[in-house]
C-alpha atoms as a PDB file:
ATOM      1  CA  MET A   1     -30.875  84.001-119.117  1.00  0.00           C
ATOM      2  CA  GLY A   2     -31.114  84.823-115.375  1.00  0.00           C
ATOM      3  CA  VAL A   3     -32.658  88.246-114.922  1.00  0.00           C
ATOM      4  CA  LEU A   4     -32.378  90.139-111.547  1.00  0.00           C
ATOM      5  CA  SER A   5     -34.475  93.614-111.390  1.00  0.00           C
ATOM      6  CA  LEU A   6     -34.607  96.417-109.013  1.00  0.00           C
ATOM      7  CA  PRO A   7     -37.945  98.207-109.111  1.00  0.00           C
ATOM      8  CA  MET A   8     -37.608 101.772-108.388  1.00  0.00           C
ATOM      9  CA  GLY A   9     -41.326 103.476-108.932  1.00  0.00           C
ATOM     10  CA  PRO A  10     -42.438 103.273-112.521  1.00  0.00           C
ATOM     11  CA  LEU A  11     -38.572 102.396-113.510  1.00  0.00           C
ATOM     12  CA  ARG A  12     -37.298  98.963-113.354  1.00  0.00           C
ATOM     13  CA  LEU A  13     -33.371  98.350-113.388  1.00  0.00           C
ATOM     14  CA  TYR A  14     -32.386  94.922-114.922  1.00  0.00           C
ATOM     15  CA  GLY A  15     -29.178  92.885-115.145  1.00  0.00           C
ATOM     16  CA  LYS A  16     -28.883  89.407-116.831  1.00  0.00           C
ATOM     17  CA  ALA A  17     -26.414  86.872-117.244  1.00  0.00           C
ATOM     18  CA  GLY A  18     -26.306  83.203-119.210  1.00  0.00           C
ATOM     19  CA  VAL A  19     -25.062  81.751-122.424  1.00  0.00           C
ATOM     20  CA  VAL A  20     -25.592  82.646-126.221  1.00  0.00           C
ATOM     21  CA  TYR A  21     -25.540  79.811-128.625  1.00  0.00           C
ATOM     22  CA  TRP A  22     -24.213  81.331-132.429  1.00  0.00           C
ATOM     23  CA  ASP A  23     -23.943  79.871-135.725  1.00  0.00           C
ATOM     24  CA  ALA A  24     -21.892  81.735-138.486  1.00  0.00           C
ATOM     25  CA  ARG A  25     -21.561  81.048-142.126  1.00  0.00           C
ATOM     26  CA  ALA A  26     -19.440  83.016-144.813  1.00  0.00           C
ATOM     27  CA  THR A  27     -18.939  82.712-148.594  1.00  0.00           C
ATOM     28  CA  ALA A  28     -16.543  84.567-150.535  1.00  0.00           C
ATOM     29  CA  ARG A  29     -16.269  84.229-154.002  1.00  0.00           C
ATOM     30  CA  ILE A  30     -13.005  85.436-156.185  1.00  0.00           C
ATOM     31  CA  GLN A  31     -13.459  86.006-159.733  1.00  0.00           C
ATOM     32  CA  PRO A  32     -10.485  87.547-162.034  1.00  0.00           C
ATOM     33  CA  PRO A  33     -11.498  89.098-164.955  1.00  0.00           C
ATOM     34  CA  PHE A  34     -10.168  86.021-166.658  1.00  0.00           C
ATOM     35  CA  GLY A  35     -10.348  82.109-165.723  1.00  0.00           C
ATOM     36  CA  SER A  36     -12.814  80.650-163.559  1.00  0.00           C
ATOM     37  CA  GLY A  37     -11.971  81.932-159.987  1.00  0.00           C
ATOM     38  CA  PHE A  38     -12.809  80.113-156.703  1.00  0.00           C
ATOM     39  CA  SER A  39     -14.687  80.212-153.596  1.00  0.00           C
ATOM     40  CA  VAL A  40     -13.643  79.960-149.923  1.00  0.00           C
ATOM     41  CA  ASP A  41     -16.225  78.986-147.227  1.00  0.00           C
ATOM     42  CA  ASP A  42     -16.462  79.150-143.381  1.00  0.00           C
ATOM     43  CA  ASP A  43     -18.594  77.600-141.066  1.00  0.00           C
ATOM     44  CA  ASP A  44     -18.217  78.069-137.058  1.00  0.00           C
ATOM     45  CA  ASN A  45     -20.655  77.815-134.132  1.00  0.00           C
ATOM     46  CA  GLY A  46     -20.449  77.571-130.229  1.00  0.00           C
ATOM     47  CA  THR A  47     -21.985  78.331-126.981  1.00  0.00           C
ATOM     48  CA  ASP A  48     -20.203  81.237-125.055  1.00  0.00           C
ATOM     49  CA  LEU A  49     -21.189  83.751-121.869  1.00  0.00           C
ATOM     50  CA  ALA A  50     -23.484  86.594-122.349  1.00  0.00           C
ATOM     51  CA  PHE A  51     -24.006  89.401-120.068  1.00  0.00           C
ATOM     52  CA  GLY A  52     -26.528  92.430-120.250  1.00  0.00           C
ATOM     53  CA  GLY A  53     -28.467  95.175-118.554  1.00  0.00           C
ATOM     54  CA  GLY A  54     -31.029  97.845-119.156  1.00  0.00           C
ATOM     55  CA  LEU A  55     -33.714 100.178-117.739  1.00  0.00           C
ATOM     56  CA  GLU A  56     -37.492  99.696-118.379  1.00  0.00           C
ATOM     57  CA  PHE A  57     -39.863 102.806-117.904  1.00  0.00           C
ATOM     58  CA  ARG A  58     -43.563 101.603-117.072  1.00  0.00           C
ATOM     59  CA  ILE A  59     -46.305 103.836-118.906  1.00  0.00           C
ATOM     60  CA  SER A  60     -49.221 101.477-117.329  1.00  0.00           C
ATOM     61  CA  PRO A  61     -49.163  98.394-116.144  1.00  0.00           C
ATOM     62  CA  ALA A  62     -49.551  96.561-119.674  1.00  0.00           C
ATOM     63  CA  LEU A  63     -47.104  99.209-121.439  1.00  0.00           C
ATOM     64  CA  SER A  64     -43.316  99.828-120.582  1.00  0.00           C
ATOM     65  CA  LEU A  65     -40.131 101.200-122.933  1.00  0.00           C
ATOM     66  CA  ARG A  66     -37.037  99.450-122.422  1.00  0.00           C
ATOM     67  CA  GLY A  67     -33.386 100.118-123.529  1.00  0.00           C
ATOM     68  CA  GLU A  68     -31.147  97.242-123.027  1.00  0.00           C
ATOM     69  CA  LEU A  69     -27.098  96.912-123.341  1.00  0.00           C
ATOM     70  CA  GLU A  70     -25.701  93.220-123.932  1.00  0.00           C
ATOM     71  CA  TRP A  71     -22.326  92.012-124.253  1.00  0.00           C
ATOM     72  CA  PHE A  72     -21.245  88.395-125.771  1.00  0.00           C
ATOM     73  CA  ASP A  73     -17.923  86.777-124.851  1.00  0.00           C
ATOM     74  CA  ILE A  74     -17.723  85.167-128.409  1.00  0.00           C
ATOM     75  CA  GLU A  75     -14.057  83.378-128.817  1.00  0.00           C
ATOM     76  CA  ASP A  76     -11.906  84.659-131.659  1.00  0.00           C
ATOM     77  CA  THR A  77     -13.911  88.060-131.542  1.00  0.00           C
ATOM     78  CA  GLU A  78     -12.729  91.447-130.253  1.00  0.00           C
ATOM     79  CA  GLU A  79     -15.650  92.864-128.854  1.00  0.00           C
ATOM     80  CA  VAL A  80     -19.505  91.630-129.364  1.00  0.00           C
ATOM     81  CA  TRP A  81     -22.259  94.231-128.013  1.00  0.00           C
ATOM     82  CA  PHE A  82     -25.690  94.677-128.848  1.00  0.00           C
ATOM     83  CA  ALA A  83     -27.993  97.673-127.728  1.00  0.00           C
ATOM     84  CA  SER A  84     -31.822  97.702-128.229  1.00  0.00           C
ATOM     85  CA  ALA A  85     -34.931  99.941-127.468  1.00  0.00           C
ATOM     86  CA  GLY A  86     -38.426  98.464-127.566  1.00  0.00           C
ATOM     87  CA  ILE A  87     -41.609  98.602-126.406  1.00  0.00           C
ATOM     88  CA  ALA A  88     -43.142  95.589-124.010  1.00  0.00           C
ATOM     89  CA  TYR A  89     -46.581  94.896-123.722  1.00  0.00           C
ATOM     90  CA  ARG A  90     -48.164  92.733-121.071  1.00  0.00           C
ATOM     91  CA  PHE A  91     -51.452  90.941-121.225  1.00  0.00           C
END
């Protein structure tokens, strides 16, 4: 991913864009009250666009708090969003 940032004192606003590789597998087992039942398997993967942005607050030169929101353009899905909050330590 490429990242572009704008420092504003102890705050840093950033945006990023790139690609995401995903791999999904699912199995469903249908078991009626009588009989042997059956399984359904599905497997798919791909590479799609990803965009995100966030805000970082620097507590010290080595320690920061971060909040981020990302969007993934994965085909055959309605919306894929990911929100995160974390601590970054630089050494």
